[in-house]
N, C-alpha and C. Protein backbone atom coordinates (compact mmCIF):
# COMPACT_ATOMS: atom_id res chain seq x y z
N MET A 1 0.85 -1.17 0.00
CA MET A 1 0.00 0.00 0.00
C MET A 1 0.90 1.24 0.00
N SER A 2 0.79 2.04 -1.06
CA SER A 2 1.63 3.21 -1.21
C SER A 2 0.83 4.47 -0.87
N LEU A 3 1.47 5.35 -0.13
CA LEU A 3 0.82 6.61 0.25
C LEU A 3 1.10 7.73 -0.75
N THR A 4 1.91 7.46 -1.77
CA THR A 4 2.29 8.51 -2.71
C THR A 4 1.09 9.11 -3.44
N PRO A 5 0.15 8.31 -3.98
CA PRO A 5 -1.00 8.93 -4.65
C PRO A 5 -1.85 9.79 -3.71
N ARG A 6 -2.02 9.32 -2.49
CA ARG A 6 -2.81 10.10 -1.53
C ARG A 6 -2.07 11.39 -1.16
N LEU A 7 -0.77 11.27 -0.97
CA LEU A 7 0.01 12.46 -0.63
C LEU A 7 -0.04 13.49 -1.75
N LEU A 8 0.05 13.02 -2.98
CA LEU A 8 -0.05 13.95 -4.12
C LEU A 8 -1.43 14.59 -4.20
N ALA A 9 -2.48 13.81 -3.93
CA ALA A 9 -3.84 14.36 -3.98
C ALA A 9 -4.05 15.39 -2.87
N VAL A 10 -3.62 15.08 -1.66
CA VAL A 10 -3.78 16.02 -0.55
C VAL A 10 -2.94 17.26 -0.79
N GLY A 11 -1.72 17.10 -1.27
CA GLY A 11 -0.85 18.24 -1.54
C GLY A 11 -1.40 19.14 -2.63
N SER A 12 -1.90 18.52 -3.71
CA SER A 12 -2.45 19.34 -4.79
C SER A 12 -3.73 20.05 -4.35
N CYS A 13 -4.56 19.39 -3.54
CA CYS A 13 -5.76 20.06 -3.02
C CYS A 13 -5.37 21.22 -2.10
N GLY A 14 -4.35 21.02 -1.32
CA GLY A 14 -3.88 22.08 -0.45
C GLY A 14 -3.36 23.27 -1.23
N VAL A 15 -2.62 23.01 -2.30
CA VAL A 15 -2.09 24.09 -3.13
C VAL A 15 -3.23 24.85 -3.80
N VAL A 16 -4.22 24.15 -4.30
CA VAL A 16 -5.37 24.80 -4.95
C VAL A 16 -6.14 25.64 -3.93
N ALA A 17 -6.34 25.10 -2.72
CA ALA A 17 -7.05 25.86 -1.69
C ALA A 17 -6.27 27.11 -1.31
N LEU A 18 -4.95 26.99 -1.19
CA LEU A 18 -4.12 28.15 -0.87
C LEU A 18 -4.21 29.22 -1.96
N LEU A 19 -4.18 28.81 -3.21
CA LEU A 19 -4.29 29.77 -4.30
C LEU A 19 -5.65 30.48 -4.31
N VAL A 20 -6.71 29.73 -4.02
CA VAL A 20 -8.05 30.33 -3.98
C VAL A 20 -8.13 31.34 -2.84
N LEU A 21 -7.59 30.98 -1.68
CA LEU A 21 -7.63 31.91 -0.55
C LEU A 21 -6.77 33.15 -0.82
N MET A 22 -5.63 32.99 -1.44
CA MET A 22 -4.79 34.15 -1.76
C MET A 22 -5.47 35.06 -2.77
N PHE A 23 -6.16 34.48 -3.74
CA PHE A 23 -6.90 35.28 -4.71
C PHE A 23 -8.02 36.06 -4.01
N ALA A 24 -8.75 35.40 -3.11
CA ALA A 24 -9.83 36.08 -2.39
C ALA A 24 -9.28 37.21 -1.53
N LEU A 25 -8.15 36.98 -0.87
CA LEU A 25 -7.55 38.02 -0.05
C LEU A 25 -7.09 39.20 -0.92
N GLY A 26 -6.48 38.92 -2.03
CA GLY A 26 -6.06 39.98 -2.94
C GLY A 26 -7.23 40.78 -3.48
N PHE A 27 -8.32 40.09 -3.75
CA PHE A 27 -9.52 40.78 -4.22
C PHE A 27 -10.05 41.72 -3.15
N GLN A 28 -10.11 41.27 -1.90
CA GLN A 28 -10.61 42.11 -0.82
C GLN A 28 -9.69 43.31 -0.59
N VAL A 29 -8.40 43.10 -0.64
CA VAL A 29 -7.45 44.21 -0.47
C VAL A 29 -7.62 45.22 -1.59
N GLY A 30 -7.80 44.75 -2.81
CA GLY A 30 -8.01 45.65 -3.94
C GLY A 30 -9.28 46.46 -3.80
N VAL A 31 -10.35 45.85 -3.31
CA VAL A 31 -11.61 46.57 -3.12
C VAL A 31 -11.43 47.65 -2.07
N ARG A 32 -10.75 47.33 -0.96
CA ARG A 32 -10.55 48.33 0.09
C ARG A 32 -9.64 49.46 -0.37
N MET A 33 -8.62 49.15 -1.15
CA MET A 33 -7.74 50.20 -1.66
C MET A 33 -8.49 51.12 -2.62
N GLU A 34 -9.37 50.54 -3.42
CA GLU A 34 -10.14 51.35 -4.37
C GLU A 34 -11.10 52.27 -3.62
N GLU A 35 -11.71 51.78 -2.53
CA GLU A 35 -12.61 52.63 -1.74
C GLU A 35 -11.85 53.79 -1.11
N LYS A 36 -10.67 53.55 -0.59
CA LYS A 36 -9.87 54.61 0.02
C LYS A 36 -9.44 55.63 -1.02
N GLY A 37 -9.08 55.19 -2.20
CA GLY A 37 -8.65 56.10 -3.26
C GLY A 37 -9.79 56.96 -3.77
N ALA A 38 -11.01 56.45 -3.77
CA ALA A 38 -12.14 57.20 -4.27
C ALA A 38 -12.59 58.26 -3.27
N ARG A 39 -12.40 58.00 -1.96
CA ARG A 39 -12.85 58.95 -0.96
C ARG A 39 -11.84 60.06 -0.68
N ALA A 40 -10.58 59.83 -0.91
CA ALA A 40 -9.56 60.81 -0.54
C ALA A 40 -9.73 62.17 -1.24
N PRO A 41 -9.95 62.24 -2.57
CA PRO A 41 -10.11 63.56 -3.19
C PRO A 41 -11.34 64.29 -2.70
N GLN A 42 -12.43 63.59 -2.37
CA GLN A 42 -13.63 64.25 -1.88
C GLN A 42 -13.37 64.90 -0.53
N VAL A 43 -12.63 64.23 0.34
CA VAL A 43 -12.34 64.79 1.66
C VAL A 43 -11.45 66.00 1.52
N LEU A 44 -10.44 65.94 0.65
CA LEU A 44 -9.54 67.07 0.47
C LEU A 44 -10.27 68.26 -0.16
N ALA A 45 -11.19 68.00 -1.07
CA ALA A 45 -11.91 69.08 -1.72
C ALA A 45 -12.91 69.73 -0.76
N ALA A 46 -13.39 68.98 0.21
CA ALA A 46 -14.38 69.51 1.14
C ALA A 46 -13.75 70.38 2.21
N THR A 47 -12.44 70.27 2.43
CA THR A 47 -11.79 71.05 3.47
C THR A 47 -10.62 71.84 2.87
N PRO A 48 -10.90 72.97 2.22
CA PRO A 48 -9.80 73.76 1.66
C PRO A 48 -8.98 74.41 2.76
N GLN A 49 -7.71 74.56 2.53
CA GLN A 49 -6.84 75.18 3.53
C GLN A 49 -6.47 76.57 3.06
N SER A 50 -6.33 77.48 4.02
CA SER A 50 -5.99 78.85 3.68
C SER A 50 -4.52 78.95 3.30
N ALA A 51 -4.18 80.03 2.58
CA ALA A 51 -2.80 80.21 2.14
C ALA A 51 -1.91 80.64 3.29
N ALA A 52 -2.45 81.40 4.24
CA ALA A 52 -1.64 81.88 5.37
C ALA A 52 -1.70 80.87 6.50
N PRO A 53 -0.56 80.59 7.12
CA PRO A 53 -0.60 79.65 8.25
C PRO A 53 -1.25 80.30 9.46
N ALA A 54 -1.90 79.50 10.26
CA ALA A 54 -2.56 80.01 11.46
C ALA A 54 -1.50 80.30 12.52
N VAL A 55 -1.64 81.48 13.17
CA VAL A 55 -0.70 81.88 14.20
C VAL A 55 -1.44 81.93 15.52
N ALA A 56 -0.88 81.28 16.53
CA ALA A 56 -1.53 81.27 17.84
C ALA A 56 -1.27 82.60 18.55
N ALA A 57 -2.26 83.04 19.32
CA ALA A 57 -2.12 84.29 20.09
C ALA A 57 -1.17 84.04 21.25
N PRO A 58 -0.38 85.06 21.62
CA PRO A 58 0.53 84.88 22.76
C PRO A 58 -0.27 84.74 24.05
N PRO A 59 0.26 84.01 25.02
CA PRO A 59 -0.48 83.83 26.27
C PRO A 59 -0.58 85.15 27.05
N ALA A 60 -1.65 85.29 27.82
CA ALA A 60 -1.87 86.50 28.62
C ALA A 60 -0.85 86.55 29.75
N PRO A 61 -0.37 87.76 30.10
CA PRO A 61 0.60 87.85 31.21
C PRO A 61 -0.05 87.50 32.53
N VAL A 62 0.70 86.84 33.39
CA VAL A 62 0.20 86.43 34.69
C VAL A 62 0.68 87.40 35.75
N ALA A 63 -0.23 87.94 36.54
CA ALA A 63 0.13 88.88 37.60
C ALA A 63 0.69 88.11 38.79
N GLN A 64 1.81 88.59 39.32
CA GLN A 64 2.42 87.94 40.48
C GLN A 64 2.13 88.76 41.72
N GLU A 65 1.87 88.07 42.83
CA GLU A 65 1.59 88.77 44.09
C GLU A 65 2.89 89.16 44.75
N ALA A 66 2.87 90.30 45.43
CA ALA A 66 4.06 90.76 46.17
C ALA A 66 4.15 90.01 47.50
N PRO A 67 5.35 89.64 47.94
CA PRO A 67 5.46 88.91 49.22
C PRO A 67 5.25 89.76 50.43
């Protein structure tokens, strides 16, 4: 009784299953990347930035008590 035919069948089924799973994973990654790429220009267009940088106001002076 030789295990070689069974080993080849199990190995080839494993390789086919691995390829199918890798294809499905690649498909899902591609769909998510496409969704992110389609939303990015809309977000940037909805929030325009001004040409001048924002400058923070200086802090108010703190009064010190005399000893």
